Structure formats: C-alpha cells, structure tokens
Protein backbone atom coordinates (compact mmCIF):
# COMPACT_ATOMS: atom_id res chain seq x y z
CA MET A 1 7.09 18.59 6.57
CA ASN A 2 7.98 16.77 9.74
CA SER A 3 11.55 15.41 9.45
CA GLN A 4 10.61 11.88 10.36
CA ILE A 5 12.80 8.80 10.51
CA ILE A 6 10.79 5.65 10.04
CA GLY A 7 11.25 3.20 12.89
CA ASN A 8 12.44 5.57 15.63
CA GLN A 9 9.62 4.05 17.66
CA ILE A 10 8.45 0.45 17.19
CA ILE A 11 5.44 -0.90 19.07
CA SER A 12 5.24 -4.71 19.04
CA LEU A 13 1.92 -6.51 19.45
CA THR A 14 1.15 -10.20 19.81
CA THR A 15 -2.27 -10.02 18.16
CA THR A 16 -4.44 -7.28 16.66
CA ASP A 17 -7.29 -7.16 14.15
CA SER A 18 -5.10 -5.23 11.70
CA THR A 19 -2.07 -3.05 12.28
CA ASN A 20 -3.60 -0.32 10.08
CA ASN A 21 -6.71 -0.28 12.28
CA TYR A 22 -4.54 -0.21 15.40
CA VAL A 23 -2.65 2.86 14.16
CA ALA A 24 -5.89 4.64 13.19
CA LYS A 25 -7.37 4.07 16.66
CA LEU A 26 -4.12 5.07 18.38
CA VAL A 27 -3.89 8.32 16.42
CA ASN A 28 -7.44 9.20 17.49
CA LYS A 29 -6.63 8.64 21.16
CA THR A 30 -3.17 10.12 21.59
CA LYS A 31 -0.35 11.97 19.87
CA VAL A 32 1.65 9.46 17.84
CA PRO A 33 5.08 10.49 16.51
CA TYR A 34 5.41 10.31 12.75
CA GLY A 35 7.54 7.37 11.69
CA THR A 36 6.11 5.10 14.39
CA VAL A 37 5.94 1.43 13.35
CA ILE A 38 3.31 -0.98 14.68
CA LEU A 39 4.45 -4.59 14.37
CA ALA A 40 2.22 -7.63 14.98
CA ASP A 41 2.86 -11.37 15.24
CA PHE A 42 -0.67 -12.05 14.04
CA GLN A 43 -3.63 -10.19 12.53
CA THR A 44 -7.15 -11.55 12.92
CA LYS A 45 -8.43 -9.35 10.07
CA GLY A 46 -5.34 -8.34 8.10
CA LYS A 47 -6.40 -6.10 5.23
CA GLY A 48 -5.48 -6.32 1.57
CA GLN A 49 -6.58 -4.25 -1.39
CA ARG A 50 -10.19 -4.45 -2.67
CA ALA A 51 -11.41 -5.50 0.80
CA ASN A 52 -9.46 -8.75 0.60
CA LEU A 53 -8.04 -10.38 3.71
CA TRP A 54 -4.30 -10.93 4.14
CA HIS A 55 -3.65 -14.54 5.24
CA SER A 56 -0.61 -15.09 7.46
CA GLU A 57 0.53 -17.75 9.94
CA LYS A 58 1.22 -16.49 13.45
CA GLY A 59 4.80 -15.39 14.09
CA LYS A 60 6.01 -16.35 10.61
CA ASN A 61 5.88 -13.09 8.67
CA LEU A 62 6.40 -9.34 8.88
CA LEU A 63 3.07 -7.57 9.43
CA PHE A 64 3.44 -3.90 10.21
CA SER A 65 2.09 -0.40 9.67
CA ILE A 66 3.83 2.95 9.58
CA TYR A 67 2.33 6.28 10.61
CA PHE A 68 3.65 8.69 7.99
CA ASP A 69 3.61 12.46 7.52
CA SER A 70 2.57 12.69 3.87
CA SER A 71 1.46 16.33 4.02
CA PHE A 72 4.23 17.31 1.58
CA LEU A 73 2.44 15.33 -1.13
CA THR A 74 -0.67 16.39 -3.06
CA VAL A 75 -3.59 14.55 -4.62
CA ASN A 76 -1.55 14.48 -7.83
CA THR A 77 1.63 13.10 -6.24
CA ILE A 78 0.44 10.90 -3.35
CA PHE A 79 0.77 7.70 -5.44
CA TYR A 80 4.53 8.29 -5.47
CA LEU A 81 4.46 7.17 -1.85
CA SER A 82 3.10 3.80 -3.01
CA LYS A 83 5.72 3.66 -5.77
CA THR A 84 8.50 4.42 -3.25
CA ILE A 85 7.36 1.65 -0.90
CA ALA A 86 7.11 -0.81 -3.80
CA ILE A 87 10.63 0.09 -4.96
CA SER A 88 11.91 -0.29 -1.38
CA LEU A 89 10.34 -3.74 -0.96
CA ARG A 90 11.68 -4.85 -4.34
CA ASP A 91 15.22 -3.62 -3.58
CA PHE A 92 15.13 -5.17 -0.12
CA ILE A 93 13.92 -8.62 -1.23
CA PHE A 94 16.29 -8.68 -4.22
CA ASN A 95 19.33 -7.70 -2.15
CA ILE A 96 18.68 -10.48 0.37
CA THR A 97 17.51 -13.32 -1.89
CA GLY A 98 19.09 -12.46 -5.24
CA GLU A 99 15.79 -13.43 -6.90
CA TYR A 100 14.16 -11.44 -9.69
CA VAL A 101 11.47 -9.34 -8.00
CA GLU A 102 8.63 -7.49 -9.76
CA ILE A 103 6.08 -4.85 -8.79
CA LYS A 104 2.52 -5.74 -9.77
CA TRP A 105 0.12 -2.82 -9.98
CA PRO A 106 -1.46 -1.59 -7.81
CA ASN A 107 0.11 -2.96 -4.64
CA ASP A 108 1.74 -6.40 -4.88
CA ILE A 109 5.34 -7.57 -4.97
CA LEU A 110 6.00 -10.78 -6.92
CA VAL A 111 8.74 -13.39 -7.15
CA ASN A 112 8.28 -15.97 -9.95
CA GLN A 113 4.80 -14.48 -10.51
CA GLN A 114 3.86 -15.40 -6.92
CA LYS A 115 2.91 -12.82 -4.31
CA ILE A 116 5.51 -12.27 -1.62
CA ALA A 117 4.38 -8.90 -0.26
CA GLY A 118 1.46 -6.50 -0.33
CA ILE A 119 0.93 -2.82 0.44
CA LEU A 120 -2.17 -1.03 1.73
CA ILE A 121 -2.04 2.75 2.21
CA GLU A 122 -4.88 4.61 3.93
CA ASN A 123 -4.63 8.39 3.69
CA GLN A 124 -6.02 10.87 6.23
CA TRP A 125 -7.36 14.18 4.95
CA ARG A 126 -7.89 17.60 6.51
CA LYS A 127 -9.57 20.46 4.65
CA ASN A 128 -9.21 18.64 1.30
CA LYS A 129 -5.47 18.20 1.82
CA ILE A 130 -3.53 15.06 2.66
CA HIS A 131 -2.55 15.18 6.31
CA SER A 132 -0.96 11.79 6.96
CA SER A 133 -0.89 8.19 5.78
CA ILE A 134 -1.04 4.79 7.40
CA ILE A 135 1.16 2.44 5.41
CA GLY A 136 0.36 -1.23 5.88
CA ILE A 137 2.85 -3.85 4.71
CA GLY A 138 2.63 -7.62 4.75
CA LEU A 139 5.77 -9.56 3.80
CA ASN A 140 5.86 -13.35 3.64
CA VAL A 141 9.08 -14.38 5.37
CA ASN A 142 9.16 -17.80 7.07
CA GLN A 143 5.76 -19.20 6.06
CA ILE A 144 5.99 -22.02 3.51
CA ASN A 145 2.39 -23.31 3.38
CA PHE A 146 -0.28 -21.16 1.73
CA PRO A 147 -3.95 -21.69 0.83
CA LYS A 148 -4.21 -23.61 -2.47
CA ASN A 149 -6.24 -20.86 -4.12
CA ILE A 150 -3.53 -18.24 -3.51
CA LEU A 151 -0.41 -17.87 -5.66
CA ALA A 152 2.04 -16.94 -2.91
CA THR A 153 5.63 -17.49 -1.88
CA SER A 154 7.98 -16.35 0.89
CA MET A 155 11.60 -15.44 1.47
CA ARG A 156 12.18 -18.81 3.13
CA ALA A 157 10.50 -20.69 0.28
CA ILE A 158 12.79 -19.13 -2.33
CA SER A 159 16.04 -19.03 -0.33
CA HIS A 160 15.58 -22.18 1.85
CA ARG A 161 16.67 -20.42 5.04
CA GLU A 162 14.86 -19.05 8.06
CA TYR A 163 15.06 -15.37 8.96
CA ASP A 164 14.97 -13.33 12.14
CA LEU A 165 11.96 -11.05 11.67
CA LYS A 166 13.21 -8.12 13.76
CA SER A 167 16.55 -8.04 11.95
CA LEU A 168 14.76 -8.10 8.60
CA LEU A 169 12.51 -5.23 9.64
CA ASP A 170 15.55 -3.14 10.60
CA VAL A 171 17.12 -3.75 7.20
CA PHE A 172 13.92 -2.90 5.34
CA LEU A 173 13.45 0.33 7.30
CA LYS A 174 16.97 1.44 6.33
CA VAL A 175 16.18 0.83 2.67
CA PHE A 176 12.85 2.64 2.97
CA ASN A 177 14.35 5.64 4.78
CA SER A 178 16.99 5.92 2.06
CA ASN A 179 14.41 5.85 -0.75
CA LEU A 180 12.21 8.30 1.14
CA ASN A 181 14.91 10.93 0.71
CA ILE A 182 14.33 10.71 -3.04
CA LEU A 183 10.58 11.17 -2.48
CA LYS A 184 11.07 14.08 -0.08
CA GLN A 185 13.25 15.78 -2.69
CA LYS A 186 10.36 15.25 -5.13
CA GLN A 187 12.53 13.43 -7.65
CA PHE A 188 9.43 11.95 -9.24
CA GLU A 189 11.08 11.15 -12.57
CA ASN A 190 13.74 9.09 -10.79
CA ILE A 191 11.03 7.17 -8.89
CA ASP A 192 9.08 6.55 -12.11
CA ILE A 193 12.13 5.11 -13.86
CA GLN A 194 12.88 2.70 -11.00
CA TYR A 195 9.22 1.73 -10.66
CA HIS A 196 8.66 1.00 -14.35
CA ASN A 197 11.99 -0.85 -14.66
CA HIS A 198 10.57 -3.52 -12.35
CA LEU A 199 6.86 -3.31 -13.25
CA PHE A 200 5.19 -6.65 -13.97
CA LYS A 201 4.26 -7.00 -17.67
CA TYR A 202 5.47 -3.46 -18.42
CA ASN A 203 5.29 -2.73 -22.15
CA LYS A 204 4.01 -6.26 -22.75
CA TRP A 205 0.69 -7.68 -23.87
CA SER A 206 -1.26 -9.22 -21.02
CA LEU A 207 -4.79 -10.19 -20.05
CA TYR A 208 -7.02 -7.89 -18.00
CA LYS A 209 -10.50 -8.26 -16.60
CA SER A 210 -13.06 -5.45 -16.31
CA ASN A 211 -16.84 -5.57 -15.88
CA GLY A 212 -16.83 -9.35 -16.28
CA SER A 213 -14.98 -9.38 -19.62
CA VAL A 214 -11.39 -10.43 -20.28
CA PHE A 215 -9.31 -8.63 -22.91
CA LYS A 216 -5.72 -8.21 -24.04
CA ALA A 217 -3.83 -4.92 -23.71
CA LYS A 218 -0.29 -3.60 -23.40
CA LEU A 219 0.75 -1.88 -20.16
CA ASN A 220 1.97 1.58 -21.16
CA SER A 221 2.57 3.09 -17.68
CA VAL A 222 1.25 3.74 -14.21
CA ASN A 223 0.70 7.48 -14.03
CA ASN A 224 1.23 9.89 -11.15
CA SER A 225 -2.37 9.40 -9.99
CA GLY A 226 -1.90 5.65 -9.76
CA LEU A 227 -4.01 4.87 -12.83
CA ILE A 228 -2.85 2.09 -15.14
CA GLU A 229 -2.55 3.23 -18.75
CA LEU A 230 -3.19 0.53 -21.35
CA ASN A 231 -2.75 0.43 -25.11
CA PHE A 232 -5.07 -1.62 -27.31
CA ASN A 233 -4.71 -3.38 -30.69
CA ASP A 234 -6.64 -0.64 -32.46
CA GLY A 235 -4.18 2.02 -31.31
CA GLN A 236 -6.50 3.37 -28.64
CA SER A 237 -5.31 3.91 -25.08
CA LYS A 238 -7.25 4.15 -21.83
CA SER A 239 -6.58 4.68 -18.12
CA PHE A 240 -8.15 2.59 -15.35
CA ASP A 241 -8.46 2.91 -11.59
CA PHE A 242 -7.63 -0.24 -9.57
CA ARG A 243 -11.33 -0.61 -8.69
CA GLU A 244 -12.23 -0.84 -12.39
CA ILE A 245 -9.82 -3.49 -13.60
CA THR A 246 -7.81 -6.55 -12.57
CA GLN A 247 -4.51 -7.51 -14.14
CA LEU A 248 -4.39 -11.26 -14.66
CA ILE A 249 -1.17 -13.26 -14.36
C-alpha cells in the first residue's frame, strides 16, 4: 500500500460541479498523488447518497474530496473506510463543539438529530479488486440558513461562532490521518466498537421504510459489508443494503 498522508497536496477551487467528479476527471488525465485533497468554495452539483444533491451556500462550508489508495482493503473490508471517516468526523466535531455527535447509517453525521455532515465514497476497481477511492465530504460550518424541508445544522449554529475553513480542514485531516493508522493496521474490531458506540439508534427500536411500507425494528449492527442488521418483534433478523431501506428519524 502506498504510504500516503492525507492533505500533503491541497488543490483549492472556487467553483466546480462536484469535487468527486473533479478528482475522477483529474485522475483520468494525469498522475495524482494519493492523499491529494480537492477543496471547493462552491459545488453546482454537489453529490449526496442515493443521487441526492448536497445543498451548500458559497464559501460557508467545507466541501472537499480525497483521492485515497484503498487497495489494501477488500470487498469484505472496504466499508471500514466509511466507518473510519465517520468516526473521524464525529471525533472532530465533538472535540471542537463539545456537542453530542452521532453517526447515522449509511453516511450522515448528526447533531441533535440534524445533519451536519455527509460522506460519499466512490470506489475505483481494477481486475475485480479495489484500486482506489474518492472520498467526498460535506461539512456544514458557517451556514445558518437551510432549506425548510431539510433537517440540517452547522458548527456555527450549535456553537454560535464563526470558523476559519482552512484551519478547520487542517485539524480534521490530522484526526483522519490518526484514525487511518488504525485502519491500515486492520484493527477492524477497534473501529467497530468506536463506530457502534456513536451509532444513531443503535440497539434501539426505530422506524424504517422499505418498498413503501414503514415498520419498527431494532438496529443490531452495521456489518463489515456496510449492511444494516435489524431485529424484529418476532425474533427474526434481516440485513439491508442502503438502497433497500431508509432509517427514519
């Protein structure tokens, strides 16, 4: 595995369609060092999970993507990259704001049940093996007004202070690089413990929606493949992919 340090190279953009798209195009054109970070003031088509758009005011938030050498991970362990990023975001936001921060499967970070950050990982494959990953992160920092139909918050909204975006990015990258050492050492059990300790509605009954129907289930775990494992009233348990089910707040 390439011994990469995330953030050794940071490319800053004023506007792009999406930082993930920018990285993908750049990688196709030229040799991009692993660990490179693409940072944008504004995205015209910022991407969220399930083909959703990520809404962000210009110059108010951290919108960035990381080109990552994930070749040391397999199909069965690649979701630990997502878990490591989620843990890093949670640690980072908690350490700065002191607020209780939760990880909502599959890719959201919540404060007071409101979304403060999102993760979108797009993996590149070669010969049926994972070659690299583009990690997209959106973190609400200084924005305080959000669309009425979106339950969202920001670091400024919860701490009532404005932040310097570049300084925040530097702090986050230090946290992420530190947690990556745990991932690189394949301490998957350690990652699972941290992840589930802060998992939204973990081991609690909650409402879920699948195929148009809403039902109650208890969140048992998120397994190494990224599937959510639910227990039901009748003692049955079942695993779901994020495309099959939505966890309701």
